[in-house]
Amino acid sequence: MDLQTAFYIIGIIFMSLMLLLTIGIIVAIMVLRAKINAIHRQIDEKLSIFTNIAHTGAEVVDKARKI
């Protein structure tokens, strides 16, 4: 095995590892993004519940004032 062949083999191994690492990083980013979006949806749902409670309270107060 001459030096040129050794460098080609090392280059192919390095490029393969970098490709796998890049794919792994992209998958990890997508998973984290999905988890963050799920948490965001949960927070929005909880905030909408509190907002609805506040609006209901305001409507009760308005009706009481009208009476």
N, C-alpha and C. Protein backbone atom coordinates (compact mmCIF):
# COMPACT_ATOMS: atom_id res chain seq x y z
N MET A 1 0.86 -1.17 0.00
CA MET A 1 0.00 0.00 0.00
C MET A 1 0.91 1.23 0.00
N ASP A 2 0.73 2.05 -1.03
CA ASP A 2 1.55 3.26 -1.07
C ASP A 2 0.85 4.40 -0.33
N LEU A 3 1.57 5.48 -0.22
CA LEU A 3 1.11 6.62 0.57
C LEU A 3 -0.17 7.22 0.00
N GLN A 4 -0.28 7.28 -1.30
CA GLN A 4 -1.46 7.86 -1.95
C GLN A 4 -2.72 7.07 -1.60
N THR A 5 -2.64 5.77 -1.65
CA THR A 5 -3.78 4.92 -1.32
C THR A 5 -4.16 5.07 0.14
N ALA A 6 -3.18 5.18 1.02
CA ALA A 6 -3.46 5.37 2.44
C ALA A 6 -4.20 6.68 2.67
N PHE A 7 -3.77 7.75 2.00
CA PHE A 7 -4.46 9.03 2.15
C PHE A 7 -5.87 8.98 1.59
N TYR A 8 -6.07 8.27 0.49
CA TYR A 8 -7.42 8.12 -0.07
C TYR A 8 -8.32 7.40 0.92
N ILE A 9 -7.82 6.34 1.51
CA ILE A 9 -8.62 5.57 2.47
C ILE A 9 -8.95 6.43 3.69
N ILE A 10 -7.95 7.14 4.19
CA ILE A 10 -8.19 8.02 5.34
C ILE A 10 -9.20 9.11 4.97
N GLY A 11 -9.10 9.65 3.78
CA GLY A 11 -10.04 10.68 3.32
C GLY A 11 -11.46 10.15 3.20
N ILE A 12 -11.61 8.95 2.66
CA ILE A 12 -12.93 8.35 2.53
C ILE A 12 -13.53 8.08 3.91
N ILE A 13 -12.74 7.56 4.82
CA ILE A 13 -13.22 7.32 6.19
C ILE A 13 -13.62 8.62 6.85
N PHE A 14 -12.80 9.65 6.73
CA PHE A 14 -13.08 10.94 7.34
C PHE A 14 -14.36 11.55 6.77
N MET A 15 -14.50 11.51 5.44
CA MET A 15 -15.71 12.08 4.82
C MET A 15 -16.95 11.30 5.23
N SER A 16 -16.84 9.99 5.35
CA SER A 16 -17.99 9.18 5.78
C SER A 16 -18.39 9.52 7.21
N LEU A 17 -17.39 9.65 8.08
CA LEU A 17 -17.69 10.00 9.47
C LEU A 17 -18.31 11.40 9.57
N MET A 18 -17.81 12.34 8.80
CA MET A 18 -18.37 13.68 8.82
C MET A 18 -19.79 13.70 8.28
N LEU A 19 -20.06 12.90 7.26
CA LEU A 19 -21.42 12.80 6.72
C LEU A 19 -22.37 12.23 7.77
N LEU A 20 -21.94 11.17 8.44
CA LEU A 20 -22.77 10.59 9.50
C LEU A 20 -22.98 11.57 10.65
N LEU A 21 -21.93 12.29 11.01
CA LEU A 21 -22.03 13.28 12.07
C LEU A 21 -22.99 14.40 11.68
N THR A 22 -22.91 14.86 10.46
CA THR A 22 -23.81 15.90 9.98
C THR A 22 -25.26 15.43 9.98
N ILE A 23 -25.48 14.22 9.52
CA ILE A 23 -26.84 13.67 9.53
C ILE A 23 -27.35 13.54 10.97
N GLY A 24 -26.49 13.10 11.87
CA GLY A 24 -26.86 12.99 13.28
C GLY A 24 -27.22 14.33 13.89
N ILE A 25 -26.45 15.36 13.56
CA ILE A 25 -26.73 16.70 14.09
C ILE A 25 -28.06 17.22 13.54
N ILE A 26 -28.32 16.99 12.26
CA ILE A 26 -29.58 17.45 11.66
C ILE A 26 -30.76 16.74 12.31
N VAL A 27 -30.64 15.43 12.53
CA VAL A 27 -31.72 14.68 13.19
C VAL A 27 -31.93 15.20 14.60
N ALA A 28 -30.85 15.46 15.33
CA ALA A 28 -30.96 15.96 16.70
C ALA A 28 -31.65 17.33 16.73
N ILE A 29 -31.32 18.18 15.79
CA ILE A 29 -31.94 19.50 15.71
C ILE A 29 -33.43 19.36 15.43
N MET A 30 -33.80 18.44 14.54
CA MET A 30 -35.21 18.26 14.22
C MET A 30 -35.99 17.72 15.43
N VAL A 31 -35.38 16.81 16.18
CA VAL A 31 -36.04 16.27 17.37
C VAL A 31 -36.20 17.36 18.42
N LEU A 32 -35.17 18.15 18.64
CA LEU A 32 -35.26 19.25 19.61
C LEU A 32 -36.31 20.27 19.19
N ARG A 33 -36.36 20.56 17.91
CA ARG A 33 -37.36 21.52 17.40
C ARG A 33 -38.77 21.00 17.64
N ALA A 34 -38.98 19.70 17.42
CA ALA A 34 -40.30 19.11 17.65
C ALA A 34 -40.68 19.19 19.12
N LYS A 35 -39.72 18.92 20.00
CA LYS A 35 -39.99 18.99 21.44
C LYS A 35 -40.29 20.41 21.87
N ILE A 36 -39.55 21.38 21.35
CA ILE A 36 -39.78 22.78 21.69
C ILE A 36 -41.15 23.22 21.20
N ASN A 37 -41.53 22.79 20.00
CA ASN A 37 -42.86 23.14 19.48
C ASN A 37 -43.96 22.52 20.33
N ALA A 38 -43.77 21.29 20.82
CA ALA A 38 -44.76 20.65 21.68
C ALA A 38 -44.90 21.42 22.99
N ILE A 39 -43.79 21.82 23.56
CA ILE A 39 -43.83 22.61 24.80
C ILE A 39 -44.52 23.95 24.55
N HIS A 40 -44.24 24.55 23.40
CA HIS A 40 -44.85 25.84 23.06
C HIS A 40 -46.36 25.70 22.95
N ARG A 41 -46.82 24.60 22.32
CA ARG A 41 -48.27 24.36 22.19
C ARG A 41 -48.91 24.17 23.56
N GLN A 42 -48.23 23.46 24.45
CA GLN A 42 -48.78 23.24 25.79
C GLN A 42 -48.90 24.56 26.54
N ILE A 43 -47.90 25.40 26.42
CA ILE A 43 -47.94 26.71 27.09
C ILE A 43 -49.06 27.55 26.52
N ASP A 44 -49.22 27.54 25.20
CA ASP A 44 -50.32 28.30 24.58
C ASP A 44 -51.68 27.81 25.06
N GLU A 45 -51.84 26.48 25.19
CA GLU A 45 -53.11 25.94 25.66
C GLU A 45 -53.40 26.39 27.09
N LYS A 46 -52.39 26.34 27.95
CA LYS A 46 -52.57 26.76 29.34
C LYS A 46 -52.89 28.25 29.42
N LEU A 47 -52.21 29.04 28.60
CA LEU A 47 -52.49 30.47 28.61
C LEU A 47 -53.89 30.76 28.09
N SER A 48 -54.34 30.00 27.09
CA SER A 48 -55.68 30.23 26.58
C SER A 48 -56.73 29.86 27.61
N ILE A 49 -56.46 28.84 28.43
CA ILE A 49 -57.39 28.48 29.50
C ILE A 49 -57.51 29.63 30.49
N PHE A 50 -56.39 30.20 30.90
CA PHE A 50 -56.43 31.32 31.84
C PHE A 50 -57.08 32.55 31.21
N THR A 51 -56.85 32.75 29.95
CA THR A 51 -57.47 33.89 29.25
C THR A 51 -58.98 33.71 29.19
N ASN A 52 -59.42 32.49 28.90
CA ASN A 52 -60.85 32.22 28.87
C ASN A 52 -61.48 32.42 30.24
N ILE A 53 -60.79 32.02 31.29
CA ILE A 53 -61.30 32.23 32.65
C ILE A 53 -61.41 33.72 32.94
N ALA A 54 -60.42 34.48 32.52
CA ALA A 54 -60.45 35.93 32.75
C ALA A 54 -61.59 36.57 31.98
N HIS A 55 -61.81 36.14 30.75
CA HIS A 55 -62.91 36.70 29.95
C HIS A 55 -64.26 36.32 30.56
N THR A 56 -64.37 35.11 31.04
CA THR A 56 -65.61 34.68 31.68
C THR A 56 -65.88 35.51 32.92
N GLY A 57 -64.85 35.76 33.70
CA GLY A 57 -64.99 36.60 34.90
C GLY A 57 -65.40 38.01 34.52
N ALA A 58 -64.83 38.54 33.46
CA ALA A 58 -65.18 39.89 33.02
C ALA A 58 -66.62 39.93 32.54
N GLU A 59 -67.07 38.90 31.85
CA GLU A 59 -68.46 38.85 31.40
C GLU A 59 -69.43 38.78 32.58
N VAL A 60 -69.08 38.01 33.60
CA VAL A 60 -69.94 37.93 34.80
C VAL A 60 -70.02 39.29 35.48
N VAL A 61 -68.92 39.97 35.58
CA VAL A 61 -68.90 41.29 36.22
C VAL A 61 -69.72 42.27 35.40
N ASP A 62 -69.61 42.22 34.07
CA ASP A 62 -70.39 43.13 33.20
C ASP A 62 -71.89 42.85 33.35
N LYS A 63 -72.27 41.59 33.39
CA LYS A 63 -73.68 41.25 33.56
C LYS A 63 -74.19 41.71 34.92
N ALA A 64 -73.35 41.57 35.94
CA ALA A 64 -73.75 42.01 37.28
C ALA A 64 -73.91 43.53 37.32
N ARG A 65 -73.09 44.24 36.61
CA ARG A 65 -73.20 45.69 36.57
C ARG A 65 -74.46 46.13 35.83
N LYS A 66 -74.82 45.40 34.77
CA LYS A 66 -76.03 45.73 34.01
C LYS A 66 -77.28 45.51 34.84
N ILE A 67 -77.24 44.48 35.67
CA ILE A 67 -78.42 44.18 36.50
C ILE A 67 -78.48 45.21 37.61
